[in-house]
Amino acid sequence: MKQYMLAVQFDYTAPSLPDDEVQTLYGDVERVNEELRKAGAWVFGGGLLAPSSATVVRVEGGDTTMTDGPYAETKETIGGFWVLRCADLDEALAWAEKCSRACRGPIEVRPFEDED
């Protein structure tokens, strides 16, 4: 079994959803999470705070600097993620489709490097 990261691409500049839609979205995501757990594909997952909460740590020439805020200047960034254990890419893509429907956004699927 290979591990895949399914990253939720989120536009933090888009208008916020109404509270009732947010609660529906959370419920939809939790149903997919439960399905992942029952299937044995779940490894880990979670939502992330806005990029403004980030700290970038950089070491250059032996000096460490820390900068508040996101590293990349972009409107879309990772809003959350799942780490899944899947037999192959096709299975990961099938889960990504369900995750995309639940969170109402695009999902980037990336395999982890093999550990051999």
C-alpha atoms as a PDB file:
ATOM      1  CA  MET A   1       0.000   0.000   0.000  1.00  0.00           C
ATOM      2  CA  LYS A   2       1.211   3.468  -0.869  1.00  0.00           C
ATOM      3  CA  GLN A   3       0.450   6.689   0.968  1.00  0.00           C
ATOM      4  CA  TYR A   4      -1.018   9.744  -0.747  1.00  0.00           C
ATOM      5  CA  MET A   5      -1.625  13.294   0.413  1.00  0.00           C
ATOM      6  CA  LEU A   6      -4.903  14.808  -0.733  1.00  0.00           C
ATOM      7  CA  ALA A   7      -4.528  18.576  -0.329  1.00  0.00           C
ATOM      8  CA  VAL A   8      -7.572  20.845  -0.312  1.00  0.00           C
ATOM      9  CA  GLN A   9      -6.886  23.889  -2.497  1.00  0.00           C
ATOM     10  CA  PHE A  10      -8.633  26.783  -0.770  1.00  0.00           C
ATOM     11  CA  ASP A  11      -9.079  30.385  -1.895  1.00  0.00           C
ATOM     12  CA  TYR A  12      -8.778  32.489   1.256  1.00  0.00           C
ATOM     13  CA  THR A  13      -9.781  35.626  -0.686  1.00  0.00           C
ATOM     14  CA  ALA A  14     -13.215  34.219  -1.608  1.00  0.00           C
ATOM     15  CA  PRO A  15     -16.252  35.400   0.352  1.00  0.00           C
ATOM     16  CA  SER A  16     -17.076  33.289   3.394  1.00  0.00           C
ATOM     17  CA  LEU A  17     -19.950  30.834   3.201  1.00  0.00           C
ATOM     18  CA  PRO A  18     -23.017  31.416   5.378  1.00  0.00           C
ATOM     19  CA  ASP A  19     -22.864  29.548   8.709  1.00  0.00           C
ATOM     20  CA  ASP A  20     -25.525  27.013   7.713  1.00  0.00           C
ATOM     21  CA  GLU A  21     -23.556  26.091   4.559  1.00  0.00           C
ATOM     22  CA  VAL A  22     -20.343  25.774   6.591  1.00  0.00           C
ATOM     23  CA  GLN A  23     -22.071  23.363   8.979  1.00  0.00           C
ATOM     24  CA  THR A  24     -23.393  21.318   6.040  1.00  0.00           C
ATOM     25  CA  LEU A  25     -19.892  21.224   4.534  1.00  0.00           C
ATOM     26  CA  TYR A  26     -18.385  20.058   7.852  1.00  0.00           C
ATOM     27  CA  GLY A  27     -20.992  17.308   8.070  1.00  0.00           C
ATOM     28  CA  ASP A  28     -20.248  16.188   4.503  1.00  0.00           C
ATOM     29  CA  VAL A  29     -16.514  16.087   5.201  1.00  0.00           C
ATOM     30  CA  GLU A  30     -17.033  14.111   8.413  1.00  0.00           C
ATOM     31  CA  ARG A  31     -19.120  11.536   6.502  1.00  0.00           C
ATOM     32  CA  VAL A  32     -16.252  11.073   4.032  1.00  0.00           C
ATOM     33  CA  ASN A  33     -13.791  10.864   6.945  1.00  0.00           C
ATOM     34  CA  GLU A  34     -15.882   8.102   8.507  1.00  0.00           C
ATOM     35  CA  GLU A  35     -16.051   6.260   5.182  1.00  0.00           C
ATOM     36  CA  LEU A  36     -12.241   6.524   4.894  1.00  0.00           C
ATOM     37  CA  ARG A  37     -11.820   5.110   8.409  1.00  0.00           C
ATOM     38  CA  LYS A  38     -14.187   2.198   7.753  1.00  0.00           C
ATOM     39  CA  ALA A  39     -12.349   1.381   4.500  1.00  0.00           C
ATOM     40  CA  GLY A  40      -8.973   1.378   6.287  1.00  0.00           C
ATOM     41  CA  ALA A  41      -7.627   4.158   4.046  1.00  0.00           C
ATOM     42  CA  TRP A  42      -7.451   6.854   6.755  1.00  0.00           C
ATOM     43  CA  VAL A  43      -3.994   7.707   8.097  1.00  0.00           C
ATOM     44  CA  PHE A  44      -4.428  11.329   9.163  1.00  0.00           C
ATOM     45  CA  GLY A  45      -6.261  14.478   8.148  1.00  0.00           C
ATOM     46  CA  GLY A  46      -7.087  17.963   9.288  1.00  0.00           C
ATOM     47  CA  GLY A  47      -8.015  21.508   8.400  1.00  0.00           C
ATOM     48  CA  LEU A  48      -5.545  24.361   8.552  1.00  0.00           C
ATOM     49  CA  LEU A  49      -5.897  27.937   9.731  1.00  0.00           C
ATOM     50  CA  ALA A  50      -5.454  30.786   7.237  1.00  0.00           C
ATOM     51  CA  PRO A  51      -1.987  31.437   5.771  1.00  0.00           C
ATOM     52  CA  SER A  52      -1.792  34.597   7.887  1.00  0.00           C
ATOM     53  CA  SER A  53      -1.301  32.288  10.901  1.00  0.00           C
ATOM     54  CA  ALA A  54       1.834  30.739   9.325  1.00  0.00           C
ATOM     55  CA  THR A  55       5.457  31.253  10.298  1.00  0.00           C
ATOM     56  CA  VAL A  56       8.140  30.556   7.711  1.00  0.00           C
ATOM     57  CA  VAL A  57      11.451  29.280   9.117  1.00  0.00           C
ATOM     58  CA  ARG A  58      14.461  29.632   6.819  1.00  0.00           C
ATOM     59  CA  VAL A  59      18.120  28.716   7.372  1.00  0.00           C
ATOM     60  CA  GLU A  60      20.586  30.357   4.991  1.00  0.00           C
ATOM     61  CA  GLY A  61      24.325  30.455   5.507  1.00  0.00           C
ATOM     62  CA  GLY A  62      23.885  29.136   9.032  1.00  0.00           C
ATOM     63  CA  ASP A  63      21.518  31.962  10.024  1.00  0.00           C
ATOM     64  CA  THR A  64      17.910  31.247  10.948  1.00  0.00           C
ATOM     65  CA  THR A  65      15.154  33.716  10.160  1.00  0.00           C
ATOM     66  CA  MET A  66      11.472  33.488  10.982  1.00  0.00           C
ATOM     67  CA  THR A  67       8.853  35.450   9.072  1.00  0.00           C
ATOM     68  CA  ASP A  68       5.159  35.769   9.851  1.00  0.00           C
ATOM     69  CA  GLY A  69       2.662  34.978   7.141  1.00  0.00           C
ATOM     70  CA  PRO A  70       2.664  32.728   4.116  1.00  0.00           C
ATOM     71  CA  TYR A  71       5.734  31.920   2.060  1.00  0.00           C
ATOM     72  CA  ALA A  72       3.956  32.155  -1.295  1.00  0.00           C
ATOM     73  CA  GLU A  73       2.005  35.165  -2.469  1.00  0.00           C
ATOM     74  CA  THR A  74      -1.032  33.419  -3.897  1.00  0.00           C
ATOM     75  CA  LYS A  75      -4.770  33.488  -3.304  1.00  0.00           C
ATOM     76  CA  GLU A  76      -5.070  29.676  -3.239  1.00  0.00           C
ATOM     77  CA  THR A  77      -3.183  27.576  -0.740  1.00  0.00           C
ATOM     78  CA  ILE A  78      -3.652  24.393   1.266  1.00  0.00           C
ATOM     79  CA  GLY A  79      -6.735  24.692   3.453  1.00  0.00           C
ATOM     80  CA  GLY A  80      -6.607  21.145   4.784  1.00  0.00           C
ATOM     81  CA  PHE A  81      -5.445  17.682   3.877  1.00  0.00           C
ATOM     82  CA  TRP A  82      -5.817  13.951   4.208  1.00  0.00           C
ATOM     83  CA  VAL A  83      -3.058  11.350   4.280  1.00  0.00           C
ATOM     84  CA  LEU A  84      -4.437   8.081   2.920  1.00  0.00           C
ATOM     85  CA  ARG A  85      -3.184   4.551   2.468  1.00  0.00           C
ATOM     86  CA  CYS A  86      -4.323   3.278  -0.943  1.00  0.00           C
ATOM     87  CA  ALA A  87      -3.558   0.323  -3.169  1.00  0.00           C
ATOM     88  CA  ASP A  88      -2.798   2.596  -6.124  1.00  0.00           C
ATOM     89  CA  LEU A  89      -3.305   6.027  -7.664  1.00  0.00           C
ATOM     90  CA  ASP A  90      -6.735   5.086  -9.032  1.00  0.00           C
ATOM     91  CA  GLU A  91      -7.996   4.409  -5.511  1.00  0.00           C
ATOM     92  CA  ALA A  92      -6.507   7.704  -4.268  1.00  0.00           C
ATOM     93  CA  LEU A  93      -8.199   9.569  -7.124  1.00  0.00           C
ATOM     94  CA  ALA A  94     -11.552   7.961  -6.317  1.00  0.00           C
ATOM     95  CA  TRP A  95     -11.228   9.153  -2.705  1.00  0.00           C
ATOM     96  CA  ALA A  96     -10.173  12.612  -3.959  1.00  0.00           C
ATOM     97  CA  GLU A  97     -13.409  12.847  -5.939  1.00  0.00           C
ATOM     98  CA  LYS A  98     -15.442  12.164  -2.788  1.00  0.00           C
ATOM     99  CA  CYS A  99     -13.326  14.619  -0.786  1.00  0.00           C
ATOM    100  CA  SER A 100     -13.718  17.307  -3.446  1.00  0.00           C
ATOM    101  CA  ARG A 101     -17.505  16.922  -3.390  1.00  0.00           C
ATOM    102  CA  ALA A 102     -17.552  17.102   0.418  1.00  0.00           C
ATOM    103  CA  CYS A 103     -15.325  20.154   0.822  1.00  0.00           C
ATOM    104  CA  ARG A 104     -16.554  21.851  -2.363  1.00  0.00           C
ATOM    105  CA  GLY A 105     -13.078  22.564  -3.691  1.00  0.00           C
ATOM    106  CA  PRO A 106     -10.274  21.142  -5.780  1.00  0.00           C
ATOM    107  CA  ILE A 107      -8.090  18.393  -4.339  1.00  0.00           C
ATOM    108  CA  GLU A 108      -4.439  17.892  -5.294  1.00  0.00           C
ATOM    109  CA  VAL A 109      -3.337  14.240  -5.049  1.00  0.00           C
ATOM    110  CA  ARG A 110       0.358  13.555  -4.462  1.00  0.00           C
ATOM    111  CA  PRO A 111       2.057  10.276  -3.624  1.00  0.00           C
ATOM    112  CA  PHE A 112       4.645  10.091  -0.883  1.00  0.00           C
ATOM    113  CA  GLU A 113       8.142   8.962  -1.837  1.00  0.00           C
ATOM    114  CA  ASP A 114       8.687   5.229  -1.444  1.00  0.00           C
ATOM    115  CA  GLU A 115      10.562   4.293   1.715  1.00  0.00           C
ATOM    116  CA  ASP A 116      12.839   1.609   0.203  1.00  0.00           C
END
